Structures are given as C-alpha cells and as structure tokens.
Amino acid sequence: MTIRCGFVLEPLSSLKPEKDSSIALMLDAQQRDWDIYAIMPESLYIRDGEAVATMMKLKVCDDADDYYQIIATKTQPCHFL
C-alpha cells in the first residue's frame, strides 16, 4: 500500500529550498517511497459536506534552482490522502 502525504503550502515557486522545512519534509517522504502532493490553500473547499482540493503530485530534489516537478494535477476528496 502506497502512503500518500499532502502538504498545504504557499505557491511552490515562492518556497525557498534552503530555508523551507516543507521541502526537507517532502524530500524525506520521497526517500521513503511515499507519494507527495502539494495543495494550495485557495484550492481547498467543501463539496456535499466533504473536503476537496486540487492536488499536485510532485517529485522533489535537493537542488535550490530546480527543486520540484509536477507529475499530475487532480481535484479530488481529501480523504484520498
């Protein structure tokens, strides 16, 4: 069973890999073979009593200039995580 880990973050382009603990946490999760998802706060909402978000599946790397790649984007219930 794959573990999925979601992070509610500021826009990815505004993160600073050398300072942001979110990047370190994502790198650690990825090393454990977990799937990583970024969620922007403005994409969270309630639909029919259920939390829903647009989630971006990411691949991250330890490179200050090119530290993430968006693999896929999908809007789905948060219990997916």
N, C-alpha and C. Protein backbone atom coordinates (compact mmCIF):
# COMPACT_ATOMS: atom_id res chain seq x y z
N MET A 1 0.83 -1.18 0.00
CA MET A 1 0.00 0.00 0.00
C MET A 1 0.88 1.25 0.00
N THR A 2 0.61 2.15 -0.90
CA THR A 2 1.38 3.38 -1.01
C THR A 2 0.88 4.40 0.01
N ILE A 3 1.82 5.03 0.69
CA ILE A 3 1.47 6.11 1.61
C ILE A 3 1.45 7.41 0.81
N ARG A 4 0.40 8.19 1.01
CA ARG A 4 0.27 9.49 0.34
C ARG A 4 0.37 10.58 1.39
N CYS A 5 1.17 11.59 1.09
CA CYS A 5 1.40 12.68 2.04
C CYS A 5 1.08 14.01 1.36
N GLY A 6 0.13 14.76 1.94
CA GLY A 6 -0.26 16.04 1.37
C GLY A 6 0.28 17.20 2.18
N PHE A 7 0.72 18.23 1.50
CA PHE A 7 1.26 19.44 2.12
C PHE A 7 0.46 20.64 1.65
N VAL A 8 -0.13 21.38 2.58
CA VAL A 8 -0.81 22.63 2.25
C VAL A 8 0.26 23.71 2.33
N LEU A 9 0.53 24.34 1.20
CA LEU A 9 1.69 25.23 1.06
C LEU A 9 1.36 26.55 0.39
N GLU A 10 2.32 27.44 0.48
CA GLU A 10 2.32 28.65 -0.35
C GLU A 10 2.61 28.18 -1.78
N PRO A 11 2.47 29.06 -2.76
CA PRO A 11 2.82 28.66 -4.13
C PRO A 11 4.24 28.06 -4.17
N LEU A 12 4.38 26.97 -4.88
CA LEU A 12 5.67 26.27 -4.93
C LEU A 12 6.81 27.18 -5.37
N SER A 13 6.52 28.06 -6.31
CA SER A 13 7.58 28.94 -6.83
C SER A 13 8.08 29.94 -5.78
N SER A 14 7.31 30.15 -4.71
CA SER A 14 7.73 31.10 -3.68
C SER A 14 8.50 30.44 -2.53
N LEU A 15 8.56 29.12 -2.51
CA LEU A 15 9.29 28.43 -1.45
C LEU A 15 10.79 28.62 -1.64
N LYS A 16 11.51 28.63 -0.55
CA LYS A 16 12.98 28.76 -0.58
C LYS A 16 13.57 27.46 -0.03
N PRO A 17 14.07 26.60 -0.92
CA PRO A 17 14.53 25.28 -0.51
C PRO A 17 15.58 25.30 0.62
N GLU A 18 16.40 26.32 0.65
CA GLU A 18 17.44 26.38 1.68
C GLU A 18 16.89 26.76 3.05
N LYS A 19 15.64 27.27 3.10
CA LYS A 19 15.05 27.71 4.37
C LYS A 19 13.77 26.98 4.74
N ASP A 20 13.05 26.46 3.75
CA ASP A 20 11.71 25.92 3.97
C ASP A 20 11.74 24.48 4.46
N SER A 21 11.20 24.25 5.65
CA SER A 21 11.17 22.89 6.20
C SER A 21 10.24 21.99 5.39
N SER A 22 9.29 22.58 4.69
CA SER A 22 8.38 21.77 3.86
C SER A 22 9.15 20.98 2.81
N ILE A 23 10.14 21.60 2.22
CA ILE A 23 10.96 20.91 1.20
C ILE A 23 11.70 19.74 1.84
N ALA A 24 12.28 19.95 3.01
CA ALA A 24 13.00 18.88 3.71
C ALA A 24 12.05 17.72 4.04
N LEU A 25 10.84 18.04 4.49
CA LEU A 25 9.86 17.01 4.81
C LEU A 25 9.45 16.24 3.55
N MET A 26 9.26 16.95 2.44
CA MET A 26 8.90 16.29 1.20
C MET A 26 10.03 15.39 0.71
N LEU A 27 11.27 15.84 0.82
CA LEU A 27 12.42 15.02 0.42
C LEU A 27 12.47 13.74 1.25
N ASP A 28 12.25 13.87 2.55
CA ASP A 28 12.27 12.70 3.43
C ASP A 28 11.15 11.73 3.07
N ALA A 29 9.95 12.26 2.83
CA ALA A 29 8.81 11.41 2.45
C ALA A 29 9.10 10.68 1.14
N GLN A 30 9.69 11.39 0.20
CA GLN A 30 10.01 10.79 -1.09
C GLN A 30 11.05 9.67 -0.94
N GLN A 31 12.02 9.87 -0.08
CA GLN A 31 13.04 8.83 0.17
C GLN A 31 12.41 7.57 0.76
N ARG A 32 11.27 7.73 1.41
CA ARG A 32 10.55 6.58 1.98
C ARG A 32 9.58 5.96 0.97
N ASP A 33 9.65 6.45 -0.29
CA ASP A 33 8.77 5.99 -1.37
C ASP A 33 7.31 6.35 -1.16
N TRP A 34 7.06 7.43 -0.47
CA TRP A 34 5.71 7.94 -0.31
C TRP A 34 5.37 8.83 -1.50
N ASP A 35 4.10 8.90 -1.85
CA ASP A 35 3.65 9.84 -2.88
C ASP A 35 3.45 11.20 -2.21
N ILE A 36 3.90 12.26 -2.87
CA ILE A 36 3.86 13.61 -2.31
C ILE A 36 2.88 14.46 -3.12
N TYR A 37 2.01 15.18 -2.39
CA TYR A 37 1.02 16.05 -3.03
C TYR A 37 1.08 17.44 -2.42
N ALA A 38 1.10 18.45 -3.27
CA ALA A 38 1.05 19.85 -2.83
C ALA A 38 -0.38 20.35 -3.03
N ILE A 39 -0.85 21.08 -2.02
CA ILE A 39 -2.20 21.65 -2.06
C ILE A 39 -2.09 23.13 -1.72
N MET A 40 -2.62 23.98 -2.59
CA MET A 40 -2.65 25.41 -2.31
C MET A 40 -3.89 25.71 -1.48
N PRO A 41 -3.78 26.56 -0.46
CA PRO A 41 -4.94 26.85 0.40
C PRO A 41 -6.19 27.27 -0.37
N GLU A 42 -6.00 28.05 -1.43
CA GLU A 42 -7.17 28.54 -2.18
C GLU A 42 -7.87 27.43 -2.97
N SER A 43 -7.24 26.25 -3.07
CA SER A 43 -7.88 25.15 -3.80
C SER A 43 -8.70 24.23 -2.88
N LEU A 44 -8.69 24.49 -1.58
CA LEU A 44 -9.47 23.71 -0.62
C LEU A 44 -10.91 24.22 -0.54
N TYR A 45 -11.87 23.33 -0.56
CA TYR A 45 -13.26 23.73 -0.40
C TYR A 45 -14.10 22.54 0.08
N ILE A 46 -15.32 22.81 0.41
CA ILE A 46 -16.26 21.77 0.84
C ILE A 46 -17.27 21.54 -0.28
N ARG A 47 -17.48 20.27 -0.65
CA ARG A 47 -18.48 19.90 -1.67
C ARG A 47 -19.32 18.76 -1.09
N ASP A 48 -20.59 19.00 -0.97
CA ASP A 48 -21.51 18.00 -0.41
C ASP A 48 -21.02 17.50 0.95
N GLY A 49 -20.54 18.42 1.79
CA GLY A 49 -20.11 18.07 3.13
C GLY A 49 -18.75 17.38 3.21
N GLU A 50 -18.01 17.37 2.12
CA GLU A 50 -16.72 16.68 2.07
C GLU A 50 -15.61 17.65 1.66
N ALA A 51 -14.46 17.57 2.34
CA ALA A 51 -13.31 18.40 1.97
C ALA A 51 -12.73 17.91 0.65
N VAL A 52 -12.51 18.87 -0.25
CA VAL A 52 -12.00 18.58 -1.59
C VAL A 52 -10.87 19.56 -1.87
N ALA A 53 -9.88 19.14 -2.67
CA ALA A 53 -8.78 20.03 -3.03
C ALA A 53 -8.21 19.64 -4.39
N THR A 54 -7.61 20.61 -5.04
CA THR A 54 -6.81 20.32 -6.22
C THR A 54 -5.42 19.97 -5.71
N MET A 55 -4.96 18.77 -6.05
CA MET A 55 -3.69 18.26 -5.55
C MET A 55 -2.72 18.08 -6.70
N MET A 56 -1.50 18.51 -6.47
CA MET A 56 -0.45 18.33 -7.46
C MET A 56 0.52 17.26 -6.95
N LYS A 57 0.60 16.17 -7.69
CA LYS A 57 1.57 15.13 -7.33
C LYS A 57 2.94 15.63 -7.74
N LEU A 58 3.90 15.55 -6.81
CA LEU A 58 5.22 16.12 -7.04
C LEU A 58 6.34 15.09 -6.99
N LYS A 59 7.41 15.44 -7.65
CA LYS A 59 8.71 14.82 -7.45
C LYS A 59 9.61 15.96 -7.00
N VAL A 60 10.36 15.77 -5.92
CA VAL A 60 11.23 16.83 -5.42
C VAL A 60 12.68 16.37 -5.47
N CYS A 61 13.59 17.34 -5.52
CA CYS A 61 15.02 17.03 -5.49
C CYS A 61 15.74 18.12 -4.71
N ASP A 62 16.94 17.80 -4.30
CA ASP A 62 17.73 18.70 -3.47
C ASP A 62 18.56 19.63 -4.35
N ASP A 63 17.88 20.50 -5.07
CA ASP A 63 18.52 21.45 -5.99
C ASP A 63 17.81 22.79 -5.82
N ALA A 64 18.51 23.78 -5.32
CA ALA A 64 17.90 25.08 -5.00
C ALA A 64 17.25 25.75 -6.21
N ASP A 65 17.74 25.48 -7.41
CA ASP A 65 17.21 26.14 -8.60
C ASP A 65 16.08 25.36 -9.27
N ASP A 66 16.05 24.07 -9.06
CA ASP A 66 15.06 23.22 -9.74
C ASP A 66 14.65 22.11 -8.78
N TYR A 67 13.85 22.46 -7.76
CA TYR A 67 13.62 21.54 -6.66
C TYR A 67 12.31 20.76 -6.73
N TYR A 68 11.47 21.02 -7.74
CA TYR A 68 10.24 20.24 -7.85
C TYR A 68 9.81 20.08 -9.30
N GLN A 69 9.05 19.00 -9.51
CA GLN A 69 8.45 18.74 -10.82
C GLN A 69 7.02 18.29 -10.54
N ILE A 70 6.07 18.88 -11.22
CA ILE A 70 4.67 18.47 -11.08
C ILE A 70 4.43 17.29 -12.02
N ILE A 71 4.04 16.17 -11.43
CA ILE A 71 3.80 14.94 -12.19
C ILE A 71 2.37 14.90 -12.73
N ALA A 72 1.41 15.30 -11.89
CA ALA A 72 -0.01 15.27 -12.28
C ALA A 72 -0.78 16.22 -11.37
N THR A 73 -1.91 16.70 -11.85
CA THR A 73 -2.80 17.55 -11.07
C THR A 73 -4.22 16.99 -11.17
N LYS A 74 -4.87 16.90 -9.99
CA LYS A 74 -6.22 16.34 -9.98
C LYS A 74 -7.00 16.93 -8.81
N THR A 75 -8.28 17.23 -9.03
CA THR A 75 -9.17 17.66 -7.96
C THR A 75 -9.89 16.44 -7.43
N GLN A 76 -9.78 16.23 -6.11
CA GLN A 76 -10.36 15.03 -5.51
C GLN A 76 -10.61 15.23 -4.02
N PRO A 77 -11.40 14.35 -3.42
CA PRO A 77 -11.65 14.44 -1.98
C PRO A 77 -10.34 14.29 -1.19
N CYS A 78 -10.26 15.01 -0.08
CA CYS A 78 -9.04 14.97 0.73
C CYS A 78 -8.83 13.63 1.42
N HIS A 79 -9.88 12.84 1.59
CA HIS A 79 -9.67 11.53 2.21
C HIS A 79 -8.83 10.62 1.32
N PHE A 80 -8.59 11.03 0.06
CA PHE A 80 -7.68 10.31 -0.82
C PHE A 80 -6.30 10.19 -0.17
N LEU A 81 -5.94 11.22 0.58
CA LEU A 81 -4.64 11.19 1.24
C LEU A 81 -4.73 10.31 2.47
